Amino acid sequence: MAFLLFLPTVSSAQGWDKSRYQIDNRMSGYLFLGKQTQALQDDDFLNPGIFSVELGKSLWSSVDGTNGKSCHSCHGDASETMAGVAAKLPKFDPKSEKIINLELLINRERELKMGAQAYEYESEELLALTSFIAFQSRGMTREINISESAKPFFEKGKEHFFTRRGQLDLACNQCHDQRYGMMLRGDKMSQGQTTGFPFYRLIWRTMGSTHRMFAWCNDSMRAEPYPLGSEEYLNLEFYVAWRGRSLPIETPAVRR
């Protein structure tokens, strides 16, 4: 029996010149991968994250909730209406007066516009829809707006990044600012940029969100992780996204 993979029509494989992955001193995690892993990301016929994008494409048009609507009902062709959206997230949200990311924005739209239940954070469905929407911005540069309203949350995220925590007494910056390019347990440390999320992580054998990666790092520090979707992780995500400004969106990236 033959199985066919129907790829999204938005874009073909990446295969970008490597110069695109570095802006000034800001470097995508792609540059710290081995050639074989880079090849997985470059080719959409090999990239395992494309299966999540395909599921998200199906969910985009699926009617759900009490209002009889789908994402497509309001937003139409995602390749047009969602292009550039992920490149500007997370951001300050006037409605909640907090930082909102793509995952929380999707769930709010589901609840308010569709009358549907919010997806559980890190569920296959939320990862897929997030991947599909972010895919529409692939190749676009990340631009994060630090408005006056956003500054307090940006500063909290920055403080988190530089605060030592856990039994190992480590801060994010000690690995991702001071020691990127060095080896850790057989793996080369990156700058911790998030332009490829949601990404497919080989050691997880599945897709993962930015917050799952934060929680994994907390576990590695022997520190208590925060809940996925928490204000602490949203503020950190906001600051880390700013660190990767002007780098291209790679979703779905592949990482070791």
Protein backbone atom coordinates (compact mmCIF):
# COMPACT_ATOMS: atom_id res chain seq x y z
CA MET A 1 0.00 0.00 0.00
CA ALA A 2 1.40 3.39 -0.96
CA PHE A 3 1.26 6.38 1.36
CA LEU A 4 1.37 9.90 -0.04
CA LEU A 5 2.44 13.02 1.85
CA PHE A 6 0.51 16.07 0.71
CA LEU A 7 2.78 19.00 1.46
CA PRO A 8 1.52 22.52 2.13
CA THR A 9 1.45 24.70 -0.95
CA VAL A 10 2.73 27.78 0.90
CA SER A 11 6.40 27.10 0.39
CA SER A 12 8.85 24.43 -0.64
CA ALA A 13 11.92 23.30 1.26
CA GLN A 14 14.12 25.87 2.95
CA GLY A 15 17.67 25.20 1.77
CA TRP A 16 18.59 28.82 2.46
CA ASP A 17 22.09 30.18 2.23
CA LYS A 18 23.64 29.85 5.68
CA SER A 19 24.26 33.58 5.84
CA ARG A 20 20.53 34.02 6.45
CA TYR A 21 20.84 32.31 9.82
CA GLN A 22 23.06 35.00 11.33
CA ILE A 23 22.33 38.69 11.83
CA ASP A 24 25.16 40.58 13.52
CA ASN A 25 26.01 38.39 16.53
CA ARG A 26 22.60 36.68 16.62
CA MET A 27 22.74 33.09 15.37
CA SER A 28 19.98 30.57 14.73
CA GLY A 29 20.27 27.15 16.34
CA TYR A 30 20.47 25.80 12.79
CA LEU A 31 24.13 26.83 12.65
CA PHE A 32 24.96 24.60 15.63
CA LEU A 33 23.49 21.44 14.06
CA GLY A 34 25.33 18.66 12.31
CA LYS A 35 24.99 18.44 8.54
CA GLN A 36 22.58 15.50 8.70
CA THR A 37 20.17 17.36 11.00
CA GLN A 38 20.42 20.47 8.84
CA ALA A 39 19.50 18.32 5.86
CA LEU A 40 16.36 17.12 7.65
CA GLN A 41 15.20 20.69 8.17
CA ASP A 42 16.11 21.79 4.66
CA ASP A 43 14.00 19.22 2.83
CA ASP A 44 10.24 19.21 3.35
CA PHE A 45 10.09 15.60 2.18
CA LEU A 46 12.37 14.65 5.09
CA ASN A 47 11.44 17.19 7.76
CA PRO A 48 9.28 15.30 10.30
CA GLY A 49 7.73 18.58 11.48
CA ILE A 50 5.83 18.85 8.20
CA PHE A 51 3.39 16.20 9.42
CA SER A 52 2.37 18.61 12.20
CA VAL A 53 1.98 21.43 9.69
CA GLU A 54 -0.26 19.17 7.58
CA LEU A 55 -2.44 18.34 10.59
CA GLY A 56 -2.69 22.05 11.37
CA LYS A 57 -3.75 22.70 7.79
CA SER A 58 -6.61 20.24 8.26
CA LEU A 59 -7.62 21.76 11.61
CA TRP A 60 -7.64 25.24 10.07
CA SER A 61 -10.64 24.28 7.95
CA SER A 62 -12.36 22.00 10.48
CA VAL A 63 -15.60 23.28 12.01
CA ASP A 64 -15.60 23.04 15.79
CA GLY A 65 -17.57 24.51 18.68
CA THR A 66 -21.11 25.77 19.18
CA ASN A 67 -20.88 28.59 16.62
CA GLY A 68 -20.40 26.29 13.64
CA LYS A 69 -17.16 27.96 12.57
CA SER A 70 -13.61 27.05 11.66
CA CYS A 71 -10.50 29.20 11.63
CA HIS A 72 -11.03 29.55 7.89
CA SER A 73 -14.54 30.94 8.44
CA CYS A 74 -13.11 34.20 9.82
CA HIS A 75 -9.57 34.28 8.49
CA GLY A 76 -9.85 32.69 5.05
CA ASP A 77 -6.69 31.66 3.24
CA ALA A 78 -3.99 31.34 5.90
CA SER A 79 -1.21 31.93 3.38
CA GLU A 80 -2.55 35.47 3.01
CA THR A 81 -4.10 36.35 6.37
CA MET A 82 -1.55 34.67 8.64
CA ALA A 83 1.61 35.67 6.75
CA GLY A 84 3.81 37.58 9.18
CA VAL A 85 1.67 36.95 12.27
CA ALA A 86 4.09 34.58 14.01
CA ALA A 87 7.01 36.88 13.20
CA LYS A 88 5.50 39.55 15.48
CA LEU A 89 4.66 37.29 18.42
CA PRO A 90 4.72 37.18 21.37
CA LYS A 91 3.51 40.70 22.06
CA PHE A 92 1.70 42.84 24.62
CA ASP A 93 -2.02 42.19 24.55
CA PRO A 94 -4.25 45.17 25.49
CA LYS A 95 -7.19 42.89 26.30
CA SER A 96 -5.45 40.87 28.99
CA GLU A 97 -2.82 43.57 29.70
CA LYS A 98 -0.20 40.82 29.61
CA ILE A 99 2.04 39.11 27.07
CA ILE A 100 0.27 36.78 24.67
CA ASN A 101 1.85 34.21 22.37
CA LEU A 102 0.49 32.35 19.36
CA GLU A 103 -0.73 29.38 21.39
CA LEU A 104 -2.81 31.51 23.74
CA LEU A 105 -4.09 33.64 20.86
CA ILE A 106 -5.32 30.52 19.06
CA ASN A 107 -7.12 29.30 22.16
CA ARG A 108 -8.76 32.67 22.78
CA GLU A 109 -10.06 32.75 19.21
CA ARG A 110 -11.41 29.22 19.60
CA GLU A 111 -13.29 30.10 22.77
CA LEU A 112 -14.61 33.53 21.78
CA LYS A 113 -15.20 33.18 18.04
CA MET A 114 -15.87 29.47 17.58
CA GLY A 115 -17.44 28.59 20.91
CA ALA A 116 -14.95 25.74 21.10
CA GLN A 117 -12.90 24.45 23.99
CA ALA A 118 -9.33 25.64 24.32
CA TYR A 119 -6.74 23.07 23.34
CA GLU A 120 -4.57 21.76 26.14
CA TYR A 121 -1.13 23.34 26.08
CA GLU A 122 1.31 21.02 24.28
CA SER A 123 -1.51 18.95 22.82
CA GLU A 124 -0.99 17.55 19.33
CA GLU A 125 -3.76 19.80 18.02
CA LEU A 126 -2.43 23.04 19.48
CA LEU A 127 1.11 22.25 18.33
CA ALA A 128 -0.19 21.46 14.85
CA LEU A 129 -2.27 24.61 14.47
CA THR A 130 0.55 26.73 15.88
CA SER A 131 2.98 25.09 13.46
CA PHE A 132 0.69 25.66 10.49
CA ILE A 133 0.18 29.34 11.31
CA ALA A 134 3.87 29.91 12.01
CA PHE A 135 4.68 28.15 8.74
CA GLN A 136 2.96 30.99 6.88
CA SER A 137 5.73 33.30 8.16
CA ARG A 138 8.61 31.00 7.24
CA GLY A 139 11.45 33.06 5.83
CA MET A 140 10.11 36.34 7.24
CA THR A 141 12.20 38.14 9.82
CA ARG A 142 11.21 38.27 13.46
CA GLU A 143 10.28 41.77 14.61
CA ILE A 144 9.37 42.24 18.28
CA ASN A 145 7.82 45.52 19.43
CA ILE A 146 8.85 46.69 22.90
CA SER A 147 6.18 49.30 23.58
CA GLU A 148 5.85 51.27 26.81
CA SER A 149 3.13 48.87 27.93
CA ALA A 150 5.32 45.88 27.09
CA LYS A 151 8.48 47.09 28.87
CA PRO A 152 7.65 45.78 32.37
CA PHE A 153 7.08 42.28 30.98
CA PHE A 154 10.21 42.50 28.85
CA GLU A 155 12.23 43.41 31.94
CA LYS A 156 10.74 40.49 33.88
CA GLY A 157 11.68 38.13 31.05
CA LYS A 158 15.19 39.55 30.95
CA GLU A 159 15.54 39.15 34.71
CA HIS A 160 14.45 35.54 34.38
CA PHE A 161 17.08 34.95 31.68
CA PHE A 162 19.89 36.23 33.92
CA THR A 163 18.74 34.72 37.24
CA ARG A 164 20.52 31.66 38.59
CA ARG A 165 18.20 28.87 39.64
CA GLY A 166 18.06 25.22 40.58
CA GLN A 167 20.52 22.91 42.28
CA LEU A 168 23.09 23.62 39.57
CA ASP A 169 22.80 27.38 40.25
CA LEU A 170 22.72 28.23 36.55
CA ALA A 171 21.12 31.04 34.56
CA CYS A 172 19.99 30.88 30.93
CA ASN A 173 22.63 33.40 29.86
CA GLN A 174 25.49 31.27 31.18
CA CYS A 175 24.87 28.69 28.46
CA HIS A 176 23.25 30.71 25.70
CA ASP A 177 25.25 33.96 25.94
CA GLN A 178 28.57 32.94 27.46
CA ARG A 179 29.15 29.39 26.21
CA TYR A 180 27.32 28.90 22.92
CA GLY A 181 29.35 26.82 20.50
CA MET A 182 30.86 24.77 23.34
CA MET A 183 30.03 21.11 23.87
CA LEU A 184 27.66 19.88 26.58
CA ARG A 185 27.05 16.13 26.92
CA GLY A 186 27.96 15.54 23.30
CA ASP A 187 25.78 18.37 22.03
CA LYS A 188 26.84 21.80 20.85
CA MET A 189 25.16 24.60 22.80
CA SER A 190 23.31 27.21 20.78
CA GLN A 191 22.21 30.74 21.61
CA GLY A 192 18.76 29.43 22.48
CA GLN A 193 16.98 31.33 19.70
CA THR A 194 13.30 30.47 19.23
CA THR A 195 12.66 31.31 15.57
CA GLY A 196 12.03 27.65 14.69
CA PHE A 197 9.27 26.86 17.17
CA PRO A 198 7.24 24.77 17.29
CA PHE A 199 10.06 22.46 16.31
CA TYR A 200 10.64 18.75 15.92
CA ARG A 201 13.17 17.57 18.49
CA LEU A 202 14.85 14.30 17.64
CA ILE A 203 15.40 13.18 21.24
CA TRP A 204 11.68 13.76 21.94
CA ARG A 205 10.56 12.18 18.65
CA THR A 206 7.79 14.74 18.49
CA MET A 207 7.00 18.42 18.14
CA GLY A 208 7.56 20.75 21.05
CA SER A 209 6.68 24.31 22.01
CA THR A 210 8.94 27.04 23.31
CA HIS A 211 7.55 26.52 26.80
CA ARG A 212 8.27 22.80 26.74
CA MET A 213 11.86 23.66 25.93
CA PHE A 214 11.97 26.14 28.81
CA ALA A 215 10.64 23.46 31.15
CA TRP A 216 13.22 20.97 29.83
CA CYS A 217 15.98 23.47 30.57
CA ASN A 218 14.61 24.00 34.10
CA ASP A 219 14.68 20.24 34.65
CA SER A 220 18.26 20.13 33.38
CA MET A 221 19.21 22.83 35.91
CA ARG A 222 17.48 20.78 38.62
CA ALA A 223 15.01 23.65 38.99
CA GLU A 224 11.24 23.43 39.38
CA PRO A 225 9.61 24.16 36.00
CA TYR A 226 6.78 26.66 35.71
CA PRO A 227 3.46 25.57 34.17
CA LEU A 228 3.31 25.76 30.38
CA GLY A 229 1.58 28.99 29.43
CA SER A 230 2.53 30.66 32.72
CA GLU A 231 3.30 34.37 32.95
CA GLU A 232 6.89 33.52 33.84
CA TYR A 233 7.41 31.60 30.61
CA LEU A 234 5.45 34.13 28.54
CA ASN A 235 7.69 36.95 29.76
CA LEU A 236 10.78 34.84 29.13
CA GLU A 237 9.51 33.93 25.65
CA PHE A 238 9.01 37.64 24.93
CA TYR A 239 12.57 38.51 25.93
CA VAL A 240 14.11 35.55 24.11
CA ALA A 241 12.13 36.39 20.96
CA TRP A 242 13.62 39.90 21.08
CA ARG A 243 17.10 38.34 21.30
CA GLY A 244 16.37 36.70 17.93
CA ARG A 245 15.10 39.84 16.20
CA SER A 246 15.70 39.99 12.45
CA LEU A 247 16.43 36.27 12.21
CA PRO A 248 14.13 34.33 9.84
CA ILE A 249 11.21 32.22 11.04
CA GLU A 250 12.12 28.56 10.38
CA THR A 251 9.04 26.66 11.56
CA PRO A 252 9.11 23.73 11.60
CA ALA A 253 12.75 23.64 12.60
CA VAL A 254 14.50 20.36 13.45
CA ARG A 255 16.75 20.19 16.47
CA ARG A 256 18.69 17.42 18.15
